[in-house]
Amino acid sequence: TDAWSQAMVEASIAVGGRYYLPYQRSATVTQFSQA
């Protein structure tokens, strides 16, 4: 789940989007600070 969630976060950031802060902490620290 962490692997595909990180891929989804990366895809969202790549198109100028963000992601909703979920209950799981799958995003990397770098992804979080970018979003």
PDB file of all heavy atoms in Angstrom:
ATOM      1  N   THR A   1       0.833  -1.205   0.000  1.00  0.00           N
ATOM      2  CA  THR A   1       0.000   0.000   0.000  1.00  0.00           C
ATOM      3  C   THR A   1       0.863   1.249   0.000  1.00  0.00           C
ATOM      4  O   THR A   1       0.580   2.218  -0.717  1.00  0.00           O
ATOM      5  CB  THR A   1      -0.964   0.004   1.196  1.00  0.00           C
ATOM      6  OG1 THR A   1      -1.828  -1.134   1.088  1.00  0.00           O
ATOM      7  CG2 THR A   1      -1.794   1.274   1.251  1.00  0.00           C
ATOM      8  N   ASP A   2       1.928   1.244   0.795  1.00  0.00           N
ATOM      9  CA  ASP A   2       2.847   2.392   0.808  1.00  0.00           C
ATOM     10  C   ASP A   2       3.432   2.634  -0.576  1.00  0.00           C
ATOM     11  O   ASP A   2       3.537   3.781  -1.021  1.00  0.00           O
ATOM     12  CB  ASP A   2       3.980   2.176   1.815  1.00  0.00           C
ATOM     13  CG  ASP A   2       3.543   2.313   3.259  1.00  0.00           C
ATOM     14  OD1 ASP A   2       2.429   2.826   3.520  1.00  0.00           O
ATOM     15  OD2 ASP A   2       4.320   1.905   4.147  1.00  0.00           O
ATOM     16  N   ALA A   3       3.792   1.568  -1.285  1.00  0.00           N
ATOM     17  CA  ALA A   3       4.413   1.709  -2.607  1.00  0.00           C
ATOM     18  C   ALA A   3       3.460   2.362  -3.597  1.00  0.00           C
ATOM     19  O   ALA A   3       3.829   3.330  -4.283  1.00  0.00           O
ATOM     20  CB  ALA A   3       4.874   0.349  -3.125  1.00  0.00           C
ATOM     21  N   TRP A   4       2.223   1.866  -3.687  1.00  0.00           N
ATOM     22  CA  TRP A   4       1.323   2.478  -4.673  1.00  0.00           C
ATOM     23  C   TRP A   4       0.826   3.834  -4.206  1.00  0.00           C
ATOM     24  O   TRP A   4       0.583   4.724  -5.026  1.00  0.00           O
ATOM     25  CB  TRP A   4       0.194   1.549  -5.094  1.00  0.00           C
ATOM     26  CG  TRP A   4      -0.868   1.215  -4.105  1.00  0.00           C
ATOM     27  CD1 TRP A   4      -0.969   0.085  -3.343  1.00  0.00           C
ATOM     28  CD2 TRP A   4      -2.036   1.986  -3.802  1.00  0.00           C
ATOM     29  NE1 TRP A   4      -2.106   0.113  -2.566  1.00  0.00           N
ATOM     30  CE2 TRP A   4      -2.779   1.275  -2.839  1.00  0.00           C
ATOM     31  CE3 TRP A   4      -2.529   3.222  -4.237  1.00  0.00           C
ATOM     32  CZ2 TRP A   4      -3.973   1.739  -2.303  1.00  0.00           C
ATOM     33  CZ3 TRP A   4      -3.722   3.696  -3.708  1.00  0.00           C
ATOM     34  CH2 TRP A   4      -4.431   2.960  -2.751  1.00  0.00           C
ATOM     35  N   SER A   5       0.731   4.041  -2.896  1.00  0.00           N
ATOM     36  CA  SER A   5       0.329   5.356  -2.387  1.00  0.00           C
ATOM     37  C   SER A   5       1.389   6.404  -2.710  1.00  0.00           C
ATOM     38  O   SER A   5       1.069   7.536  -3.100  1.00  0.00           O
ATOM     39  CB  SER A   5       0.089   5.299  -0.877  1.00  0.00           C
ATOM     40  OG  SER A   5      -1.028   4.496  -0.583  1.00  0.00           O
ATOM     41  N   GLN A   6       2.654   6.036  -2.556  1.00  0.00           N
ATOM     42  CA  GLN A   6       3.734   6.964  -2.904  1.00  0.00           C
ATOM     43  C   GLN A   6       3.720   7.279  -4.396  1.00  0.00           C
ATOM     44  O   GLN A   6       3.949   8.420  -4.803  1.00  0.00           O
ATOM     45  CB  GLN A   6       5.085   6.393  -2.486  1.00  0.00           C
ATOM     46  CG  GLN A   6       5.282   6.398  -0.994  1.00  0.00           C
ATOM     47  CD  GLN A   6       6.526   5.650  -0.542  1.00  0.00           C
ATOM     48  OE1 GLN A   6       7.311   5.171  -1.353  1.00  0.00           O
ATOM     49  NE2 GLN A   6       6.695   5.542   0.760  1.00  0.00           N
ATOM     50  N   ALA A   7       3.422   6.293  -5.217  1.00  0.00           N
ATOM     51  CA  ALA A   7       3.313   6.523  -6.659  1.00  0.00           C
ATOM     52  C   ALA A   7       2.146   7.465  -6.963  1.00  0.00           C
ATOM     53  O   ALA A   7       2.261   8.345  -7.825  1.00  0.00           O
ATOM     54  CB  ALA A   7       3.147   5.197  -7.399  1.00  0.00           C
ATOM     55  N   MET A   8       1.043   7.315  -6.256  1.00  0.00           N
ATOM     56  CA  MET A   8      -0.109   8.203  -6.449  1.00  0.00           C
ATOM     57  C   MET A   8       0.219   9.631  -6.015  1.00  0.00           C
ATOM     58  O   MET A   8      -0.132  10.589  -6.697  1.00  0.00           O
ATOM     59  CB  MET A   8      -1.311   7.683  -5.652  1.00  0.00           C
ATOM     60  CG  MET A   8      -1.898   6.401  -6.183  1.00  0.00           C
ATOM     61  SD  MET A   8      -2.961   6.661  -7.599  1.00  0.00           S
ATOM     62  CE  MET A   8      -4.404   7.288  -6.770  1.00  0.00           C
ATOM     63  N   VAL A   9       0.889   9.777  -4.891  1.00  0.00           N
ATOM     64  CA  VAL A   9       1.277  11.110  -4.416  1.00  0.00           C
ATOM     65  C   VAL A   9       2.212  11.767  -5.431  1.00  0.00           C
ATOM     66  O   VAL A   9       2.049  12.942  -5.777  1.00  0.00           O
ATOM     67  CB  VAL A   9       1.926  11.036  -3.016  1.00  0.00           C
ATOM     68  CG1 VAL A   9       2.570  12.354  -2.638  1.00  0.00           C
ATOM     69  CG2 VAL A   9       0.901  10.620  -1.968  1.00  0.00           C
ATOM     70  N   GLU A  10       3.165  11.003  -5.928  1.00  0.00           N
ATOM     71  CA  GLU A  10       4.104  11.516  -6.931  1.00  0.00           C
ATOM     72  C   GLU A  10       3.353  11.969  -8.184  1.00  0.00           C
ATOM     73  O   GLU A  10       3.648  13.031  -8.745  1.00  0.00           O
ATOM     74  CB  GLU A  10       5.135  10.446  -7.274  1.00  0.00           C
ATOM     75  CG  GLU A  10       6.403  10.959  -7.881  1.00  0.00           C
ATOM     76  CD  GLU A  10       7.187  11.877  -6.952  1.00  0.00           C
ATOM     77  OE1 GLU A  10       7.269  11.629  -5.739  1.00  0.00           O
ATOM     78  OE2 GLU A  10       7.725  12.879  -7.467  1.00  0.00           O
ATOM     79  N   ALA A  11       2.378  11.196  -8.614  1.00  0.00           N
ATOM     80  CA  ALA A  11       1.571  11.551  -9.789  1.00  0.00           C
ATOM     81  C   ALA A  11       0.782  12.830  -9.538  1.00  0.00           C
ATOM     82  O   ALA A  11       0.669  13.688 -10.422  1.00  0.00           O
ATOM     83  CB  ALA A  11       0.641  10.402 -10.159  1.00  0.00           C
ATOM     84  N   SER A  12       0.249  12.969  -8.351  1.00  0.00           N
ATOM     85  CA  SER A  12      -0.510  14.167  -8.005  1.00  0.00           C
ATOM     86  C   SER A  12       0.387  15.408  -8.006  1.00  0.00           C
ATOM     87  O   SER A  12       0.035  16.445  -8.580  1.00  0.00           O
ATOM     88  CB  SER A  12      -1.153  13.984  -6.627  1.00  0.00           C
ATOM     89  OG  SER A  12      -1.829  15.152  -6.237  1.00  0.00           O
ATOM     90  N   ILE A  13       1.533  15.292  -7.387  1.00  0.00           N
ATOM     91  CA  ILE A  13       2.479  16.416  -7.347  1.00  0.00           C
ATOM     92  C   ILE A  13       2.922  16.787  -8.762  1.00  0.00           C
ATOM     93  O   ILE A  13       3.042  17.971  -9.095  1.00  0.00           O
ATOM     94  CB  ILE A  13       3.688  16.068  -6.451  1.00  0.00           C
ATOM     95  CG1 ILE A  13       3.255  15.962  -4.977  1.00  0.00           C
ATOM     96  CG2 ILE A  13       4.804  17.099  -6.612  1.00  0.00           C
ATOM     97  CD1 ILE A  13       4.305  15.369  -4.064  1.00  0.00           C
ATOM     98  N   ALA A  14       3.131  15.788  -9.607  1.00  0.00           N
ATOM     99  CA  ALA A  14       3.612  16.018 -10.975  1.00  0.00           C
ATOM    100  C   ALA A  14       2.642  16.857 -11.804  1.00  0.00           C
ATOM    101  O   ALA A  14       3.073  17.559 -12.721  1.00  0.00           O
ATOM    102  CB  ALA A  14       3.881  14.687 -11.673  1.00  0.00           C
ATOM    103  N   VAL A  15       1.347  16.791 -11.485  1.00  0.00           N
ATOM    104  CA  VAL A  15       0.369  17.575 -12.240  1.00  0.00           C
ATOM    105  C   VAL A  15      -0.084  18.818 -11.459  1.00  0.00           C
ATOM    106  O   VAL A  15      -1.103  19.426 -11.787  1.00  0.00           O
ATOM    107  CB  VAL A  15      -0.850  16.722 -12.667  1.00  0.00           C
ATOM    108  CG1 VAL A  15      -0.426  15.608 -13.614  1.00  0.00           C
ATOM    109  CG2 VAL A  15      -1.594  16.175 -11.463  1.00  0.00           C
ATOM    110  N   GLY A  16       0.683  19.173 -10.423  1.00  0.00           N
ATOM    111  CA  GLY A  16       0.382  20.379  -9.664  1.00  0.00           C
ATOM    112  C   GLY A  16      -0.671  20.195  -8.591  1.00  0.00           C
ATOM    113  O   GLY A  16      -1.213  21.178  -8.070  1.00  0.00           O
ATOM    114  N   GLY A  17      -0.960  18.953  -8.252  1.00  0.00           N
ATOM    115  CA  GLY A  17      -1.978  18.681  -7.247  1.00  0.00           C
ATOM    116  C   GLY A  17      -1.394  18.400  -5.874  1.00  0.00           C
ATOM    117  O   GLY A  17      -0.188  18.480  -5.659  1.00  0.00           O
ATOM    118  N   ARG A  18      -2.270  18.068  -4.985  1.00  0.00           N
ATOM    119  CA  ARG A  18      -1.913  17.684  -3.623  1.00  0.00           C
ATOM    120  C   ARG A  18      -2.673  16.408  -3.305  1.00  0.00           C
ATOM    121  O   ARG A  18      -3.436  15.907  -4.113  1.00  0.00           O
ATOM    122  CB  ARG A  18      -2.291  18.784  -2.636  1.00  0.00           C
ATOM    123  CG  ARG A  18      -1.468  20.040  -2.866  1.00  0.00           C
ATOM    124  CD  ARG A  18      -1.687  21.051  -1.807  1.00  0.00           C
ATOM    125  NE  ARG A  18      -0.816  22.210  -2.075  1.00  0.00           N
ATOM    126  CZ  ARG A  18      -0.748  23.254  -1.320  1.00  0.00           C
ATOM    127  NH1 ARG A  18      -1.497  23.346  -0.233  1.00  0.00           N
ATOM    128  NH2 ARG A  18       0.054  24.249  -1.614  1.00  0.00           N
ATOM    129  N   TYR A  19      -2.485  15.933  -2.125  1.00  0.00           N
ATOM    130  CA  TYR A  19      -3.221  14.747  -1.686  1.00  0.00           C
ATOM    131  C   TYR A  19      -3.786  15.037  -0.317  1.00  0.00           C
ATOM    132  O   TYR A  19      -3.256  15.849   0.436  1.00  0.00           O
ATOM    133  CB  TYR A  19      -2.322  13.506  -1.680  1.00  0.00           C
ATOM    134  CG  TYR A  19      -1.208  13.567  -0.658  1.00  0.00           C
ATOM    135  CD1 TYR A  19      -1.337  12.938   0.571  1.00  0.00           C
ATOM    136  CD2 TYR A  19      -0.038  14.275  -0.910  1.00  0.00           C
ATOM    137  CE1 TYR A  19      -0.332  13.006   1.524  1.00  0.00           C
ATOM    138  CE2 TYR A  19       0.974  14.349   0.030  1.00  0.00           C
ATOM    139  CZ  TYR A  19       0.828  13.717   1.246  1.00  0.00           C
ATOM    140  OH  TYR A  19       1.821  13.798   2.179  1.00  0.00           O
ATOM    141  N   TYR A  20      -4.872  14.385  -0.003  1.00  0.00           N
ATOM    142  CA  TYR A  20      -5.504  14.559   1.298  1.00  0.00           C
ATOM    143  C   TYR A  20      -4.653  13.847   2.339  1.00  0.00           C
ATOM    144  O   TYR A  20      -4.200  12.730   2.122  1.00  0.00           O
ATOM    145  CB  TYR A  20      -6.919  13.982   1.262  1.00  0.00           C
ATOM    146  CG  TYR A  20      -7.691  14.217   2.526  1.00  0.00           C
ATOM    147  CD1 TYR A  20      -8.182  15.475   2.841  1.00  0.00           C
ATOM    148  CD2 TYR A  20      -7.925  13.177   3.414  1.00  0.00           C
ATOM    149  CE1 TYR A  20      -8.886  15.698   4.005  1.00  0.00           C
ATOM    150  CE2 TYR A  20      -8.634  13.384   4.580  1.00  0.00           C
ATOM    151  CZ  TYR A  20      -9.119  14.656   4.869  1.00  0.00           C
ATOM    152  OH  TYR A  20      -9.812  14.866   6.040  1.00  0.00           O
ATOM    153  N   LEU A  21      -4.439  14.492   3.457  1.00  0.00           N
ATOM    154  CA  LEU A  21      -3.623  13.889   4.512  1.00  0.00           C
ATOM    155  C   LEU A  21      -4.393  12.724   5.135  1.00  0.00           C
ATOM    156  O   LEU A  21      -5.354  12.921   5.872  1.00  0.00           O
ATOM    157  CB  LEU A  21      -3.274  14.927   5.573  1.00  0.00           C
ATOM    158  CG  LEU A  21      -2.462  16.108   5.053  1.00  0.00           C
ATOM    159  CD1 LEU A  21      -2.227  17.135   6.158  1.00  0.00           C
ATOM    160  CD2 LEU A  21      -1.144  15.646   4.475  1.00  0.00           C
ATOM    161  N   PRO A  22      -3.992  11.497   4.797  1.00  0.00           N
ATOM    162  CA  PRO A  22      -4.742  10.320   5.236  1.00  0.00           C
ATOM    163  C   PRO A  22      -4.325   9.859   6.628  1.00  0.00           C
ATOM    164  O   PRO A  22      -3.425  10.410   7.246  1.00  0.00           O
ATOM    165  CB  PRO A  22      -4.363   9.284   4.193  1.00  0.00           C
ATOM    166  CG  PRO A  22      -2.949   9.640   3.854  1.00  0.00           C
ATOM    167  CD  PRO A  22      -2.888  11.155   3.924  1.00  0.00           C
ATOM    168  N   TYR A  23      -4.991   8.831   7.047  1.00  0.00           N
ATOM    169  CA  TYR A  23      -4.644   8.231   8.324  1.00  0.00           C
ATOM    170  C   TYR A  23      -3.316   7.492   8.233  1.00  0.00           C
ATOM    171  O   TYR A  23      -2.604   7.368   9.217  1.00  0.00           O
ATOM    172  CB  TYR A  23      -5.742   7.262   8.772  1.00  0.00           C
ATOM    173  CG  TYR A  23      -7.059   7.945   8.986  1.00  0.00           C
ATOM    174  CD1 TYR A  23      -8.114   7.746   8.114  1.00  0.00           C
ATOM    175  CD2 TYR A  23      -7.235   8.819  10.053  1.00  0.00           C
ATOM    176  CE1 TYR A  23      -9.330   8.385   8.310  1.00  0.00           C
ATOM    177  CE2 TYR A  23      -8.438   9.458  10.257  1.00  0.00           C
ATOM    178  CZ  TYR A  23      -9.477   9.240   9.388  1.00  0.00           C
ATOM    179  OH  TYR A  23     -10.670   9.875   9.573  1.00  0.00           O
ATOM    180  N   GLN A  24      -2.977   6.995   7.065  1.00  0.00           N
ATOM    181  CA  GLN A  24      -1.714   6.290   6.883  1.00  0.00           C
ATOM    182  C   GLN A  24      -0.623   7.286   6.500  1.00  0.00           C
ATOM    183  O   GLN A  24      -0.881   8.266   5.829  1.00  0.00           O
ATOM    184  CB  GLN A  24      -1.862   5.213   5.810  1.00  0.00           C
ATOM    185  CG  GLN A  24      -2.881   4.157   6.187  1.00  0.00           C
ATOM    186  CD  GLN A  24      -2.815   2.967   5.285  1.00  0.00           C
ATOM    187  OE1 GLN A  24      -1.763   2.368   5.132  1.00  0.00           O
ATOM    188  NE2 GLN A  24      -3.947   2.622   4.690  1.00  0.00           N
ATOM    189  N   ARG A  25       0.574   6.978   6.905  1.00  0.00           N
ATOM    190  CA  ARG A  25       1.720   7.849   6.636  1.00  0.00           C
ATOM    191  C   ARG A  25       2.568   7.243   5.525  1.00  0.00           C
ATOM    192  O   ARG A  25       3.740   6.968   5.707  1.00  0.00           O
ATOM    193  CB  ARG A  25       2.530   8.048   7.913  1.00  0.00           C
ATOM    194  CG  ARG A  25       1.744   8.706   9.030  1.00  0.00           C
ATOM    195  CD  ARG A  25       2.479   8.751  10.356  1.00  0.00           C
ATOM    196  NE  ARG A  25       3.022   7.477  10.814  1.00  0.00           N
ATOM    197  CZ  ARG A  25       2.335   6.531  11.450  1.00  0.00           C
ATOM    198  NH1 ARG A  25       1.067   6.701  11.710  1.00  0.00           N
ATOM    199  NH2 ARG A  25       2.902   5.407  11.821  1.00  0.00           N
ATOM    200  N   SER A  26       1.968   7.059   4.368  1.00  0.00           N
ATOM    201  CA  SER A  26       2.665   6.415   3.255  1.00  0.00           C
ATOM    202  C   SER A  26       3.587   7.360   2.504  1.00  0.00           C
ATOM    203  O   SER A  26       4.647   6.952   2.032  1.00  0.00           O
ATOM    204  CB  SER A  26       1.655   5.815   2.268  1.00  0.00           C
ATOM    205  OG  SER A  26       0.912   4.794   2.883  1.00  0.00           O
ATOM    206  N   ALA A  27       3.201   8.613   2.344  1.00  0.00           N
ATOM    207  CA  ALA A  27       4.019   9.561   1.586  1.00  0.00           C
ATOM    208  C   ALA A  27       5.381   9.735   2.246  1.00  0.00           C
ATOM    209  O   ALA A  27       5.506   9.674   3.473  1.00  0.00           O
ATOM    210  CB  ALA A  27       3.318  10.912   1.497  1.00  0.00           C
ATOM    211  N   THR A  28       6.386   9.957   1.417  1.00  0.00           N
ATOM    212  CA  THR A  28       7.718  10.226   1.968  1.00  0.00           C
ATOM    213  C   THR A  28       7.740  11.641   2.552  1.00  0.00           C
ATOM    214  O   THR A  28       6.865  12.465   2.255  1.00  0.00           O
ATOM    215  CB  THR A  28       8.804  10.118   0.881  1.00  0.00           C
ATOM    216  OG1 THR A  28       8.612  11.185  -0.059  1.00  0.00           O
ATOM    217  CG2 THR A  28       8.773   8.757   0.186  1.00  0.00           C
ATOM    218  N   VAL A  29       8.743  11.926   3.350  1.00  0.00           N
ATOM    219  CA  VAL A  29       8.897  13.260   3.923  1.00  0.00           C
ATOM    220  C   VAL A  29       9.071  14.287   2.803  1.00  0.00           C
ATOM    221  O   VAL A  29       8.494  15.381   2.849  1.00  0.00           O
ATOM    222  CB  VAL A  29      10.082  13.300   4.919  1.00  0.00           C
ATOM    223  CG1 VAL A  29      10.360  14.716   5.394  1.00  0.00           C
ATOM    224  CG2 VAL A  29       9.796  12.378   6.105  1.00  0.00           C
ATOM    225  N   THR A  30       9.820  13.944   1.780  1.00  0.00           N
ATOM    226  CA  THR A  30      10.018  14.847   0.640  1.00  0.00           C
ATOM    227  C   THR A  30       8.700  15.106  -0.077  1.00  0.00           C
ATOM    228  O   THR A  30       8.377  16.254  -0.402  1.00  0.00           O
ATOM    229  CB  THR A  30      11.063  14.262  -0.335  1.00  0.00           C
ATOM    230  OG1 THR A  30      12.298  14.130   0.357  1.00  0.00           O
ATOM    231  CG2 THR A  30      11.247  15.152  -1.549  1.00  0.00           C
ATOM    232  N   GLN A  31       7.925  14.063  -0.321  1.00  0.00           N
ATOM    233  CA  GLN A  31       6.627  14.234  -0.978  1.00  0.00           C
ATOM    234  C   GLN A  31       5.714  15.132  -0.145  1.00  0.00           C
ATOM    235  O   GLN A  31       5.043  16.015  -0.681  1.00  0.00           O
ATOM    236  CB  GLN A  31       5.948  12.879  -1.198  1.00  0.00           C
ATOM    237  CG  GLN A  31       6.581  12.047  -2.278  1.00  0.00           C
ATOM    238  CD  GLN A  31       5.960  10.665  -2.365  1.00  0.00           C
ATOM    239  OE1 GLN A  31       5.544  10.074  -1.375  1.00  0.00           O
ATOM    240  NE2 GLN A  31       5.898  10.138  -3.586  1.00  0.00           N
ATOM    241  N   PHE A  32       5.705  14.908   1.153  1.00  0.00           N
ATOM    242  CA  PHE A  32       4.867  15.721   2.032  1.00  0.00           C
ATOM    243  C   PHE A  32       5.253  17.193   1.931  1.00  0.00           C
ATOM    244  O   PHE A  32       4.391  18.052   1.762  1.00  0.00           O
ATOM    245  CB  PHE A  32       4.989  15.240   3.480  1.00  0.00           C
ATOM    246  CG  PHE A  32       4.194  16.060   4.451  1.00  0.00           C
ATOM    247  CD1 PHE A  32       2.851  15.785   4.671  1.00  0.00           C
ATOM    248  CD2 PHE A  32       4.772  17.112   5.129  1.00  0.00           C
ATOM    249  CE1 PHE A  32       2.110  16.546   5.563  1.00  0.00           C
ATOM    250  CE2 PHE A  32       4.040  17.879   6.013  1.00  0.00           C
ATOM    251  CZ  PHE A  32       2.708  17.598   6.237  1.00  0.00           C
ATOM    252  N   SER A  33       6.542  17.498   2.006  1.00  0.00           N
ATOM    253  CA  SER A  33       6.971  18.899   1.965  1.00  0.00           C
ATOM    254  C   SER A  33       6.734  19.534   0.596  1.00  0.00           C
ATOM    255  O   SER A  33       6.477  20.721   0.497  1.00  0.00           O
ATOM    256  CB  SER A  33       8.438  19.034   2.394  1.00  0.00           C
ATOM    257  OG  SER A  33       9.284  18.366   1.506  1.00  0.00           O
ATOM    258  N   GLN A  34       6.784  18.740  -0.473  1.00  0.00           N
ATOM    259  CA  GLN A  34       6.471  19.266  -1.808  1.00  0.00           C
ATOM    260  C   GLN A  34       4.983  19.577  -1.937  1.00  0.00           C
ATOM    261  O   GLN A  34       4.607  20.599  -2.515  1.00  0.00           O
ATOM    262  CB  GLN A  34       6.872  18.259  -2.890  1.00  0.00           C
ATOM    263  CG  GLN A  34       8.361  18.134  -3.078  1.00  0.00           C
ATOM    264  CD  GLN A  34       8.728  17.023  -4.054  1.00  0.00           C
ATOM    265  OE1 GLN A  34       7.994  16.049  -4.222  1.00  0.00           O
ATOM    266  NE2 GLN A  34       9.871  17.176  -4.689  1.00  0.00           N
ATOM    267  N   ALA A  35       4.153  18.705  -1.424  1.00  0.00           N
ATOM    268  CA  ALA A  35       2.708  18.891  -1.534  1.00  0.00           C
ATOM    269  C   ALA A  35       2.199  19.952  -0.561  1.00  0.00           C
ATOM    270  O   ALA A  35       1.213  20.630  -0.848  1.00  0.00           O
ATOM    271  CB  ALA A  35       1.987  17.566  -1.292  1.00  0.00           C
TER     272      ALA A  35
END
